[in-house]
Amino acid sequence: MAGQGGRHKRSAALLSLALAGCDTPSVPDDQMADAPAEVSRANGEQVFWAGGCASCHASEGELTAERPALGGGREIETVYGTFTPPNISPDRTAGIGGWTLDEFDRAMRGGTAPDGHTYFPAFPYPSYARMTPQDISDLYAFLQTLPEVSRGAGGNDLAFPVSLPGTARLWQRANFRPGPAVALTETSPEVARGQYLVDGPGHCATCHTPRNALGGFRRNRWLAGAELLDGGGYAPNLTPHSDGLGGRSAEDVLDALHPLGPPEDTDTGMTAARVNLAHLPESDRRAIVAYLMALPPVASDF
């Protein structure tokens, strides 16, 4: 865990956003998801696992369930304080069962709650903003099929001044960039699919990309490895640099992503990733690897 001095420096940097006065675009209204002519809950299930929703929102012991109960409450310790993922089960009071598709879309791709407040990026909407309206609609439909959980998950416990009203909105104005993060020289359909999965629903950058003093992604170091937000270690470099995946074949990387049997520790990030990836078709896992191998090689800075 980072020391209090480091936490306060990061918190003070966030507060300085109040003086920045810079606006960034959110998802335009005409790009919000309309109810499609056809909804695929099967695709919604794939999107659910690609997005790792259960990793944070599953109730205790539910991570590996085929139809997990999403009561939330799995606390996320960070240098900015403790975030508590909410109940996203279809319960109409404690969960999101009363949300409309439009409200769900604005939360997922715009970072805005139904009551109008802005979410902190511990909820990785900056990545989900890259998702297609169809995938949003299908995910919304799938979530309605999961068990209802009637208990609330509790609130966040954030450090000052991150805890001040409006801080999340200020962060969004300075850092929310929903467009592509990396320009690739190879644009095959497989690589494009991998980029969508990794940078969109997979939100891999949340852990694997270093951040600036204001908590925004350093895009010139995309997926080059980063200190974990709890200050307790590092997420590895996923680029084809020698510090990362360089020297490894695509099959080697694919094997590393493949589930090797029942998870022994459902609290580790890699185990949770394997649980999620186990639900994806091999074609998607191969697409993820193809994208990672197509990234510009970037050295780790740790």
Protein backbone atom coordinates (compact mmCIF):
# COMPACT_ATOMS: atom_id res chain seq x y z
CA MET A 1 0.00 0.00 0.00
CA ALA A 2 1.35 3.42 -0.91
CA GLY A 3 2.21 5.72 1.99
CA GLN A 4 -0.04 8.53 3.13
CA GLY A 5 2.27 11.11 1.53
CA GLY A 6 1.85 9.52 -1.91
CA ARG A 7 -1.90 9.30 -1.42
CA HIS A 8 -2.18 12.95 -0.45
CA LYS A 9 -0.06 14.07 -3.41
CA ARG A 10 -2.32 12.18 -5.81
CA SER A 11 -5.41 13.54 -4.09
CA ALA A 12 -4.11 17.11 -4.23
CA ALA A 13 -3.35 16.69 -7.91
CA LEU A 14 -6.93 15.63 -8.54
CA LEU A 15 -8.20 18.69 -6.72
CA SER A 16 -6.16 20.93 -9.03
CA LEU A 17 -8.51 19.90 -11.83
CA ALA A 18 -10.89 22.56 -10.55
CA LEU A 19 -8.58 25.16 -12.08
CA ALA A 20 -8.17 23.37 -15.39
CA GLY A 21 -11.46 24.42 -16.99
CA CYS A 22 -11.09 21.90 -19.82
CA ASP A 23 -14.01 20.07 -21.38
CA THR A 24 -13.92 16.67 -23.03
CA PRO A 25 -16.61 15.02 -25.12
CA SER A 26 -18.87 12.39 -23.66
CA VAL A 27 -20.86 9.91 -25.75
CA PRO A 28 -23.19 11.99 -27.98
CA ASP A 29 -26.93 11.49 -27.53
CA ASP A 30 -27.29 10.20 -31.08
CA GLN A 31 -24.81 7.42 -30.30
CA MET A 32 -26.64 6.15 -27.24
CA ALA A 33 -28.07 2.66 -27.55
CA ASP A 34 -31.61 2.42 -28.83
CA ALA A 35 -33.58 -0.75 -28.21
CA PRO A 36 -32.46 -2.93 -31.17
CA ALA A 37 -34.86 -4.85 -33.34
CA GLU A 38 -33.34 -8.04 -32.00
CA VAL A 39 -31.63 -8.62 -28.66
CA SER A 40 -29.17 -11.46 -28.17
CA ARG A 41 -28.88 -12.49 -24.54
CA ALA A 42 -26.33 -15.09 -25.65
CA ASN A 43 -24.13 -12.31 -26.98
CA GLY A 44 -24.87 -10.33 -23.82
CA GLU A 45 -23.50 -13.21 -21.78
CA GLN A 46 -20.29 -13.18 -23.85
CA VAL A 47 -20.01 -9.42 -23.33
CA PHE A 48 -20.58 -9.91 -19.60
CA TRP A 49 -17.60 -12.24 -19.28
CA ALA A 50 -15.45 -10.23 -21.68
CA GLY A 51 -16.10 -7.24 -19.42
CA GLY A 52 -15.19 -9.09 -16.25
CA CYS A 53 -18.35 -7.81 -14.53
CA ALA A 54 -18.37 -10.61 -11.97
CA SER A 55 -14.80 -9.90 -10.91
CA CYS A 56 -15.92 -6.81 -9.01
CA HIS A 57 -19.69 -7.12 -8.65
CA ALA A 58 -20.17 -10.81 -7.78
CA SER A 59 -21.22 -11.53 -4.22
CA GLU A 60 -18.88 -13.56 -2.03
CA GLY A 61 -18.23 -16.99 -3.53
CA GLU A 62 -20.11 -16.19 -6.76
CA LEU A 63 -17.22 -15.39 -9.11
CA THR A 64 -17.19 -18.78 -10.82
CA ALA A 65 -20.98 -19.26 -10.94
CA GLU A 66 -22.54 -19.55 -14.38
CA ARG A 67 -25.29 -17.12 -13.30
CA PRO A 68 -23.59 -15.11 -10.55
CA ALA A 69 -25.45 -13.03 -8.02
CA LEU A 70 -24.16 -9.49 -8.50
CA GLY A 71 -24.73 -8.02 -5.06
CA GLY A 72 -21.47 -6.05 -5.13
CA GLY A 73 -19.49 -5.24 -2.05
CA ARG A 74 -16.07 -6.60 -3.06
CA GLU A 75 -14.04 -3.64 -1.79
CA ILE A 76 -11.33 -2.19 -4.03
CA GLU A 77 -8.48 -0.62 -2.08
CA THR A 78 -6.67 2.17 -3.92
CA VAL A 79 -4.36 5.06 -3.13
CA TYR A 80 -7.43 7.30 -3.44
CA GLY A 81 -9.45 5.40 -0.85
CA THR A 82 -11.76 2.40 -0.87
CA PHE A 83 -14.31 1.90 -3.63
CA THR A 84 -17.22 -0.49 -3.10
CA PRO A 85 -18.68 -1.89 -6.35
CA PRO A 86 -22.46 -1.53 -6.25
CA ASN A 87 -25.22 -4.07 -6.57
CA ILE A 88 -25.92 -4.47 -10.31
CA SER A 89 -28.37 -7.35 -9.97
CA PRO A 90 -31.86 -6.93 -11.48
CA ASP A 91 -33.36 -6.08 -8.09
CA ARG A 92 -35.41 -2.92 -8.67
CA THR A 93 -34.50 -1.29 -5.35
CA ALA A 94 -30.98 -2.36 -4.42
CA GLY A 95 -29.77 -3.08 -7.95
CA ILE A 96 -30.34 -1.79 -11.48
CA GLY A 97 -33.59 -3.58 -12.26
CA GLY A 98 -35.41 -0.26 -12.46
CA TRP A 99 -32.97 1.30 -14.92
CA THR A 100 -33.94 1.94 -18.52
CA LEU A 101 -31.65 0.93 -21.37
CA ASP A 102 -30.81 4.60 -21.89
CA GLU A 103 -29.82 5.01 -18.23
CA PHE A 104 -27.70 1.87 -18.40
CA ASP A 105 -26.00 3.10 -21.56
CA ARG A 106 -25.23 6.52 -20.07
CA ALA A 107 -23.67 4.82 -17.07
CA MET A 108 -21.63 2.35 -19.13
CA ARG A 109 -20.42 4.63 -21.91
CA GLY A 110 -20.79 8.07 -20.40
CA GLY A 111 -19.99 7.55 -16.72
CA THR A 112 -23.21 9.22 -15.62
CA ALA A 113 -25.60 7.70 -13.07
CA PRO A 114 -29.40 7.89 -13.49
CA ASP A 115 -29.52 10.62 -10.83
CA GLY A 116 -26.99 12.67 -12.80
CA HIS A 117 -23.84 12.26 -10.71
CA THR A 118 -20.58 11.25 -12.37
CA TYR A 119 -18.95 7.94 -11.56
CA PHE A 120 -15.35 7.67 -10.47
CA PRO A 121 -13.24 5.78 -13.04
CA ALA A 122 -12.84 2.87 -10.61
CA PHE A 123 -15.91 1.93 -12.65
CA PRO A 124 -14.07 1.57 -15.98
CA TYR A 125 -16.54 3.49 -18.13
CA PRO A 126 -13.63 5.20 -20.00
CA SER A 127 -13.03 1.77 -21.56
CA TYR A 128 -16.69 0.76 -21.83
CA ALA A 129 -17.24 3.96 -23.82
CA ARG A 130 -15.71 2.10 -26.78
CA MET A 131 -18.42 -0.58 -26.73
CA THR A 132 -21.02 -0.80 -29.50
CA PRO A 133 -24.68 0.05 -28.87
CA GLN A 134 -25.60 -3.54 -29.76
CA ASP A 135 -23.27 -4.99 -27.14
CA ILE A 136 -24.61 -2.53 -24.56
CA SER A 137 -28.18 -3.55 -25.36
CA ASP A 138 -27.38 -7.25 -25.28
CA LEU A 139 -25.51 -6.93 -21.98
CA TYR A 140 -28.43 -5.01 -20.48
CA ALA A 141 -30.78 -7.82 -21.53
CA PHE A 142 -28.50 -10.53 -20.11
CA LEU A 143 -28.14 -8.81 -16.74
CA GLN A 144 -31.91 -8.94 -16.32
CA THR A 145 -31.72 -12.77 -16.32
CA LEU A 146 -29.38 -12.99 -13.30
CA PRO A 147 -30.49 -13.56 -9.69
CA GLU A 148 -31.92 -10.60 -7.82
CA VAL A 149 -29.99 -9.51 -4.72
CA SER A 150 -31.98 -7.31 -2.34
CA ARG A 151 -29.18 -6.00 -0.13
CA GLY A 152 -27.24 -2.81 -0.77
CA ALA A 153 -23.47 -2.97 -1.18
CA GLY A 154 -22.51 0.07 0.87
CA GLY A 155 -20.70 3.21 -0.17
CA ASN A 156 -17.17 4.38 -0.91
CA ASP A 157 -14.68 5.56 1.69
CA LEU A 158 -12.48 8.03 -0.17
CA ALA A 159 -9.53 10.14 0.89
CA PHE A 160 -9.74 13.93 1.01
CA PRO A 161 -9.98 15.79 -1.33
CA VAL A 162 -11.15 13.04 -3.69
CA SER A 163 -14.18 12.73 -1.42
CA LEU A 164 -15.30 16.29 -2.22
CA PRO A 165 -18.43 16.69 -4.38
CA GLY A 166 -17.64 17.20 -8.04
CA THR A 167 -14.21 15.57 -8.07
CA ALA A 168 -15.34 12.74 -10.34
CA ARG A 169 -16.77 15.22 -12.84
CA LEU A 170 -13.55 17.22 -12.81
CA TRP A 171 -11.57 14.03 -13.46
CA GLN A 172 -13.86 13.22 -16.34
CA ARG A 173 -13.46 16.63 -17.92
CA ALA A 174 -9.68 16.33 -17.88
CA ASN A 175 -9.21 12.67 -18.76
CA PHE A 176 -12.19 11.09 -20.51
CA ARG A 177 -11.06 10.18 -24.04
CA PRO A 178 -13.33 7.47 -25.46
CA GLY A 179 -11.62 7.19 -28.86
CA PRO A 180 -8.96 4.66 -29.93
CA ALA A 181 -5.89 4.72 -27.71
CA VAL A 182 -3.36 3.27 -30.16
CA ALA A 183 -2.96 3.63 -33.92
CA LEU A 184 -1.99 0.25 -35.32
CA THR A 185 -0.14 -0.50 -38.52
CA GLU A 186 -1.92 -3.86 -38.81
CA THR A 187 -5.69 -3.68 -39.09
CA SER A 188 -6.81 -7.23 -39.85
CA PRO A 189 -10.30 -8.21 -38.65
CA GLU A 190 -8.74 -10.43 -35.98
CA VAL A 191 -6.55 -7.63 -34.62
CA ALA A 192 -9.48 -5.20 -34.73
CA ARG A 193 -11.59 -7.64 -32.75
CA GLY A 194 -8.81 -8.04 -30.22
CA GLN A 195 -8.42 -4.29 -29.86
CA TYR A 196 -12.14 -3.95 -29.24
CA LEU A 197 -12.11 -6.65 -26.56
CA VAL A 198 -8.96 -5.45 -24.79
CA ASP A 199 -9.54 -1.70 -24.92
CA GLY A 200 -13.32 -1.83 -24.65
CA PRO A 201 -15.18 -4.35 -22.49
CA GLY A 202 -11.96 -5.98 -21.24
CA HIS A 203 -10.73 -2.61 -19.85
CA CYS A 204 -7.20 -4.06 -19.56
CA ALA A 205 -5.69 -0.58 -19.51
CA THR A 206 -7.24 0.00 -16.08
CA CYS A 207 -4.45 -2.07 -14.52
CA HIS A 208 -1.82 -2.37 -17.26
CA THR A 209 -1.40 1.28 -18.37
CA PRO A 210 0.46 3.81 -16.18
CA ARG A 211 -1.31 7.01 -15.20
CA ASN A 212 -0.33 10.64 -14.97
CA ALA A 213 -0.48 12.76 -11.83
CA LEU A 214 -4.19 13.36 -12.36
CA GLY A 215 -5.05 9.69 -12.74
CA GLY A 216 -5.44 9.76 -16.52
CA PHE A 217 -3.92 7.14 -18.81
CA ARG A 218 -0.50 7.83 -20.30
CA ARG A 219 -1.46 6.82 -23.81
CA ASN A 220 2.10 6.77 -25.09
CA ARG A 221 2.66 3.90 -22.66
CA TRP A 222 -0.49 1.96 -23.48
CA LEU A 223 -0.50 -1.47 -21.81
CA ALA A 224 3.21 -1.15 -20.94
CA GLY A 225 2.64 -2.24 -17.34
CA ALA A 226 1.81 -0.13 -14.32
CA GLU A 227 1.75 0.08 -10.57
CA LEU A 228 -1.48 -1.37 -9.23
CA LEU A 229 -3.94 1.17 -7.87
CA ASP A 230 -3.65 -0.31 -4.39
CA GLY A 231 0.09 0.37 -4.46
CA GLY A 232 0.78 -3.28 -3.74
CA GLY A 233 2.56 -4.40 -6.88
CA TYR A 234 2.67 -4.10 -10.66
CA ALA A 235 0.54 -5.27 -13.55
CA PRO A 236 2.84 -6.67 -16.22
CA ASN A 237 3.77 -5.19 -19.57
CA LEU A 238 1.48 -6.59 -22.29
CA THR A 239 3.28 -5.09 -25.30
CA PRO A 240 5.69 -7.13 -27.47
CA HIS A 241 8.69 -5.42 -25.86
CA SER A 242 11.34 -7.59 -24.20
CA ASP A 243 10.00 -6.27 -20.87
CA GLY A 244 6.65 -7.78 -21.77
CA LEU A 245 5.59 -10.35 -24.34
CA GLY A 246 8.66 -9.98 -26.57
CA GLY A 247 10.30 -13.28 -27.40
CA ARG A 248 7.12 -15.24 -26.73
CA SER A 249 5.07 -16.85 -29.47
CA ALA A 250 1.37 -16.23 -29.92
CA GLU A 251 0.74 -19.78 -28.75
CA ASP A 252 2.75 -19.16 -25.59
CA VAL A 253 0.64 -16.11 -24.78
CA LEU A 254 -2.54 -17.96 -25.63
CA ASP A 255 -1.57 -20.74 -23.22
CA ALA A 256 -0.97 -18.16 -20.48
CA LEU A 257 -4.50 -16.82 -20.93
CA HIS A 258 -6.18 -20.20 -21.06
CA PRO A 259 -7.77 -21.55 -17.86
CA LEU A 260 -5.69 -24.42 -16.54
CA GLY A 261 -8.35 -25.93 -14.31
CA PRO A 262 -10.42 -24.87 -11.29
CA PRO A 263 -9.09 -21.62 -9.83
CA GLU A 264 -7.27 -21.98 -6.52
CA ASP A 265 -7.56 -18.33 -5.47
CA THR A 266 -10.48 -16.32 -6.84
CA ASP A 267 -9.08 -13.11 -5.34
CA THR A 268 -6.05 -12.86 -7.62
CA GLY A 269 -6.33 -10.74 -10.75
CA MET A 270 -4.92 -13.42 -13.06
CA THR A 271 -7.30 -16.07 -11.74
CA ALA A 272 -10.26 -13.74 -12.20
CA ALA A 273 -9.08 -12.97 -15.75
CA ARG A 274 -8.87 -16.68 -16.54
CA VAL A 275 -12.35 -17.29 -15.14
CA ASN A 276 -13.68 -14.61 -17.46
CA LEU A 277 -11.68 -15.70 -20.49
CA ALA A 278 -12.84 -19.29 -20.04
CA HIS A 279 -16.30 -18.18 -21.16
CA LEU A 280 -15.05 -16.68 -24.43
CA PRO A 281 -14.64 -18.63 -27.67
CA GLU A 282 -11.07 -19.47 -28.60
CA SER A 283 -11.39 -17.15 -31.60
CA ASP A 284 -11.77 -14.21 -29.20
CA ARG A 285 -8.82 -15.31 -27.09
CA ARG A 286 -6.73 -15.57 -30.25
CA ALA A 287 -7.91 -12.12 -31.32
CA ILE A 288 -6.79 -10.71 -27.96
CA VAL A 289 -3.35 -12.23 -28.43
CA ALA A 290 -3.15 -10.95 -32.03
CA TYR A 291 -3.86 -7.42 -30.84
CA LEU A 292 -1.32 -7.55 -28.03
CA MET A 293 1.34 -8.79 -30.43
CA ALA A 294 0.46 -5.99 -32.88
CA LEU A 295 0.94 -3.23 -30.29
CA PRO A 296 3.97 -0.94 -30.50
CA PRO A 297 6.62 -2.37 -28.17
CA VAL A 298 7.06 -0.10 -25.14
CA ALA A 299 9.51 -0.60 -22.28
CA SER A 300 8.24 -0.76 -18.72
CA ASP A 301 9.12 2.19 -16.51
CA PHE A 302 9.38 0.22 -13.28
